[in-house]
Amino acid sequence: FFDKNKRGMGFGKILVWASLFLHHYCLGSEIYFAGMKIENIPSLRTFLSCGFKINYKNEDLYFVSLKYDNLIQPKNVLNIKIK
């Protein structure tokens, strides 16, 4: 998805955060779920850094969830107020 030289710069965290922020604002959703392959540790870390918690893990997948109130805004994102 991103140039390998650009990985680790927080773009994934911003993408996850912005998607949830806009989804919540537009549709009012309060709870979010995601799943990722067990070997995809960077993806798991991204979701955890946004406030997701691990609900369940099996031999193939991690399942995580988030209540919107626990969404963590990345430090490099300016404060946003939508009217």
N, C-alpha and C. Protein backbone atom coordinates (compact mmCIF):
# COMPACT_ATOMS: atom_id res chain seq x y z
N PHE A 1 0.83 -1.18 0.00
CA PHE A 1 0.00 0.00 0.00
C PHE A 1 0.88 1.25 0.00
N PHE A 2 1.76 1.36 0.98
CA PHE A 2 2.67 2.50 1.04
C PHE A 2 4.06 2.06 0.62
N ASP A 3 4.82 3.00 0.12
CA ASP A 3 6.22 2.77 -0.18
C ASP A 3 6.88 2.24 1.10
N LYS A 4 7.67 1.20 0.98
CA LYS A 4 8.31 0.60 2.16
C LYS A 4 9.15 1.60 2.93
N ASN A 5 9.66 2.62 2.27
CA ASN A 5 10.45 3.65 2.95
C ASN A 5 9.59 4.57 3.81
N LYS A 6 8.29 4.54 3.61
CA LYS A 6 7.37 5.40 4.35
C LYS A 6 6.69 4.67 5.50
N ARG A 7 6.97 3.40 5.67
CA ARG A 7 6.35 2.64 6.75
C ARG A 7 6.91 3.07 8.10
N GLY A 8 6.08 2.94 9.13
CA GLY A 8 6.51 3.29 10.48
C GLY A 8 6.41 4.77 10.78
N MET A 9 5.78 5.54 9.89
CA MET A 9 5.67 6.98 10.08
C MET A 9 4.30 7.39 10.65
N GLY A 10 3.44 6.40 10.91
CA GLY A 10 2.15 6.70 11.51
C GLY A 10 1.00 6.91 10.54
N PHE A 11 1.24 6.68 9.24
CA PHE A 11 0.17 6.89 8.26
C PHE A 11 -0.98 5.91 8.46
N GLY A 12 -0.68 4.67 8.82
CA GLY A 12 -1.73 3.68 9.07
C GLY A 12 -2.61 4.08 10.24
N LYS A 13 -1.98 4.58 11.29
CA LYS A 13 -2.73 5.02 12.47
C LYS A 13 -3.64 6.19 12.09
N ILE A 14 -3.14 7.13 11.30
CA ILE A 14 -3.96 8.26 10.87
C ILE A 14 -5.12 7.77 10.01
N LEU A 15 -4.86 6.82 9.14
CA LEU A 15 -5.92 6.29 8.28
C LEU A 15 -7.02 5.60 9.09
N VAL A 16 -6.63 4.77 10.05
CA VAL A 16 -7.62 4.09 10.91
C VAL A 16 -8.39 5.12 11.72
N TRP A 17 -7.68 6.05 12.35
CA TRP A 17 -8.33 7.07 13.17
C TRP A 17 -9.30 7.92 12.35
N ALA A 18 -8.85 8.42 11.20
CA ALA A 18 -9.68 9.29 10.37
C ALA A 18 -10.91 8.54 9.86
N SER A 19 -10.75 7.29 9.48
CA SER A 19 -11.89 6.49 9.02
C SER A 19 -12.94 6.35 10.11
N LEU A 20 -12.51 6.04 11.32
CA LEU A 20 -13.45 5.88 12.42
C LEU A 20 -14.07 7.21 12.82
N PHE A 21 -13.28 8.27 12.84
CA PHE A 21 -13.77 9.60 13.18
C PHE A 21 -14.89 10.01 12.21
N LEU A 22 -14.64 9.87 10.91
CA LEU A 22 -15.63 10.25 9.91
C LEU A 22 -16.85 9.33 9.93
N HIS A 23 -16.61 8.04 10.10
CA HIS A 23 -17.72 7.09 10.16
C HIS A 23 -18.63 7.41 11.34
N HIS A 24 -18.03 7.70 12.47
CA HIS A 24 -18.82 8.06 13.66
C HIS A 24 -19.59 9.36 13.41
N TYR A 25 -18.93 10.35 12.86
CA TYR A 25 -19.56 11.64 12.62
C TYR A 25 -20.73 11.51 11.63
N CYS A 26 -20.53 10.75 10.56
CA CYS A 26 -21.54 10.64 9.50
C CYS A 26 -22.67 9.67 9.85
N LEU A 27 -22.34 8.58 10.52
CA LEU A 27 -23.34 7.52 10.76
C LEU A 27 -23.65 7.29 12.23
N GLY A 28 -22.85 7.87 13.11
CA GLY A 28 -23.13 7.75 14.54
C GLY A 28 -22.78 6.41 15.17
N SER A 29 -22.01 5.60 14.48
CA SER A 29 -21.63 4.29 15.04
C SER A 29 -20.81 4.48 16.31
N GLU A 30 -21.00 3.58 17.26
CA GLU A 30 -20.32 3.68 18.55
C GLU A 30 -19.31 2.56 18.81
N ILE A 31 -19.49 1.42 18.15
CA ILE A 31 -18.62 0.26 18.39
C ILE A 31 -18.07 -0.23 17.06
N TYR A 32 -16.78 -0.54 17.05
CA TYR A 32 -16.10 -0.96 15.84
C TYR A 32 -15.36 -2.28 16.11
N PHE A 33 -15.29 -3.10 15.07
CA PHE A 33 -14.61 -4.39 15.15
C PHE A 33 -13.65 -4.52 13.98
N ALA A 34 -12.58 -5.26 14.19
CA ALA A 34 -11.63 -5.53 13.11
C ALA A 34 -10.99 -6.89 13.37
N GLY A 35 -10.43 -7.44 12.34
CA GLY A 35 -9.71 -8.70 12.45
C GLY A 35 -8.47 -8.65 11.58
N MET A 36 -7.43 -9.31 12.01
CA MET A 36 -6.22 -9.37 11.21
C MET A 36 -5.51 -10.69 11.44
N LYS A 37 -4.75 -11.10 10.43
CA LYS A 37 -4.00 -12.35 10.54
C LYS A 37 -2.99 -12.25 11.68
N ILE A 38 -2.79 -13.37 12.34
CA ILE A 38 -1.94 -13.43 13.53
C ILE A 38 -0.50 -12.95 13.25
N GLU A 39 -0.03 -13.14 12.02
CA GLU A 39 1.34 -12.74 11.70
C GLU A 39 1.44 -11.26 11.32
N ASN A 40 0.31 -10.57 11.20
CA ASN A 40 0.33 -9.16 10.82
C ASN A 40 0.40 -8.26 12.06
N ILE A 41 1.52 -8.34 12.73
CA ILE A 41 1.74 -7.59 13.96
C ILE A 41 1.69 -6.07 13.73
N PRO A 42 2.23 -5.53 12.62
CA PRO A 42 2.11 -4.09 12.42
C PRO A 42 0.66 -3.62 12.39
N SER A 43 -0.22 -4.38 11.76
CA SER A 43 -1.64 -4.02 11.73
C SER A 43 -2.23 -4.07 13.14
N LEU A 44 -1.93 -5.11 13.88
CA LEU A 44 -2.42 -5.23 15.25
C LEU A 44 -1.95 -4.03 16.08
N ARG A 45 -0.69 -3.67 15.98
CA ARG A 45 -0.16 -2.53 16.73
C ARG A 45 -0.84 -1.23 16.35
N THR A 46 -1.14 -1.08 15.07
CA THR A 46 -1.84 0.13 14.61
C THR A 46 -3.20 0.25 15.28
N PHE A 47 -3.96 -0.84 15.26
CA PHE A 47 -5.29 -0.81 15.87
C PHE A 47 -5.21 -0.61 17.38
N LEU A 48 -4.27 -1.27 18.03
CA LEU A 48 -4.12 -1.10 19.47
C LEU A 48 -3.73 0.34 19.82
N SER A 49 -2.89 0.95 18.99
CA SER A 49 -2.47 2.34 19.26
C SER A 49 -3.62 3.32 19.08
N CYS A 50 -4.67 2.91 18.38
CA CYS A 50 -5.87 3.76 18.20
C CYS A 50 -6.89 3.53 19.32
N GLY A 51 -6.60 2.59 20.22
CA GLY A 51 -7.50 2.35 21.35
C GLY A 51 -8.25 1.03 21.30
N PHE A 52 -8.07 0.26 20.25
CA PHE A 52 -8.72 -1.05 20.17
C PHE A 52 -8.15 -1.98 21.24
N LYS A 53 -8.96 -2.93 21.66
CA LYS A 53 -8.55 -3.97 22.62
C LYS A 53 -8.73 -5.33 21.95
N ILE A 54 -7.86 -6.27 22.29
CA ILE A 54 -7.99 -7.62 21.75
C ILE A 54 -9.14 -8.32 22.46
N ASN A 55 -10.10 -8.79 21.68
CA ASN A 55 -11.24 -9.53 22.22
C ASN A 55 -10.98 -11.02 22.22
N TYR A 56 -10.34 -11.47 21.16
CA TYR A 56 -10.20 -12.91 20.95
C TYR A 56 -9.03 -13.15 20.03
N LYS A 57 -8.35 -14.24 20.22
CA LYS A 57 -7.24 -14.64 19.38
C LYS A 57 -7.35 -16.14 19.17
N ASN A 58 -7.22 -16.58 17.93
CA ASN A 58 -7.12 -18.02 17.67
C ASN A 58 -5.82 -18.28 16.95
N GLU A 59 -5.64 -19.45 16.40
CA GLU A 59 -4.34 -19.76 15.79
C GLU A 59 -4.10 -19.00 14.49
N ASP A 60 -5.16 -18.39 13.92
CA ASP A 60 -5.02 -17.69 12.65
C ASP A 60 -5.23 -16.18 12.73
N LEU A 61 -6.09 -15.72 13.65
CA LEU A 61 -6.54 -14.34 13.63
C LEU A 61 -6.59 -13.68 15.00
N TYR A 62 -6.41 -12.36 15.00
CA TYR A 62 -6.74 -11.52 16.15
C TYR A 62 -8.06 -10.83 15.83
N PHE A 63 -8.93 -10.71 16.82
CA PHE A 63 -10.17 -9.97 16.71
C PHE A 63 -10.12 -8.85 17.75
N VAL A 64 -10.31 -7.62 17.29
CA VAL A 64 -10.21 -6.45 18.17
C VAL A 64 -11.50 -5.63 18.09
N SER A 65 -11.74 -4.84 19.13
CA SER A 65 -12.92 -3.97 19.12
C SER A 65 -12.60 -2.66 19.82
N LEU A 66 -13.46 -1.68 19.57
CA LEU A 66 -13.27 -0.35 20.12
C LEU A 66 -14.63 0.30 20.34
N LYS A 67 -14.82 0.89 21.51
CA LYS A 67 -15.94 1.78 21.76
C LYS A 67 -15.45 3.17 21.37
N TYR A 68 -16.23 3.90 20.59
CA TYR A 68 -15.77 5.17 20.02
C TYR A 68 -15.18 6.11 21.06
N ASP A 69 -15.74 6.15 22.24
CA ASP A 69 -15.22 7.03 23.29
C ASP A 69 -13.76 6.75 23.65
N ASN A 70 -13.27 5.58 23.30
CA ASN A 70 -11.89 5.19 23.61
C ASN A 70 -10.93 5.39 22.44
N LEU A 71 -11.42 5.98 21.34
CA LEU A 71 -10.57 6.23 20.17
C LEU A 71 -9.48 7.23 20.55
N ILE A 72 -8.24 6.89 20.25
CA ILE A 72 -7.09 7.73 20.57
C ILE A 72 -6.67 8.49 19.32
N GLN A 73 -6.66 9.82 19.42
CA GLN A 73 -6.26 10.66 18.29
C GLN A 73 -4.74 10.68 18.17
N PRO A 74 -4.21 10.46 16.96
CA PRO A 74 -2.75 10.52 16.79
C PRO A 74 -2.22 11.91 17.15
N LYS A 75 -1.02 11.95 17.68
CA LYS A 75 -0.42 13.22 18.11
C LYS A 75 -0.19 14.18 16.95
N ASN A 76 0.05 13.65 15.75
CA ASN A 76 0.35 14.52 14.61
C ASN A 76 -0.90 14.94 13.84
N VAL A 77 -2.09 14.74 14.42
CA VAL A 77 -3.34 15.19 13.82
C VAL A 77 -3.83 16.40 14.61
N LEU A 78 -4.14 17.46 13.91
CA LEU A 78 -4.62 18.67 14.57
C LEU A 78 -6.00 18.42 15.16
N ASN A 79 -6.35 19.18 16.18
CA ASN A 79 -7.69 19.07 16.76
C ASN A 79 -8.72 19.45 15.70
N ILE A 80 -9.72 18.61 15.56
CA ILE A 80 -10.74 18.79 14.54
C ILE A 80 -12.08 18.98 15.23
N LYS A 81 -12.80 20.00 14.79
CA LYS A 81 -14.16 20.21 15.29
C LYS A 81 -15.07 20.29 14.07
N ILE A 82 -16.04 19.41 14.03
CA ILE A 82 -17.01 19.42 12.93
C ILE A 82 -18.29 20.01 13.47
N LYS A 83 -18.83 20.99 12.76
CA LYS A 83 -20.06 21.66 13.20
C LYS A 83 -21.28 20.91 12.76
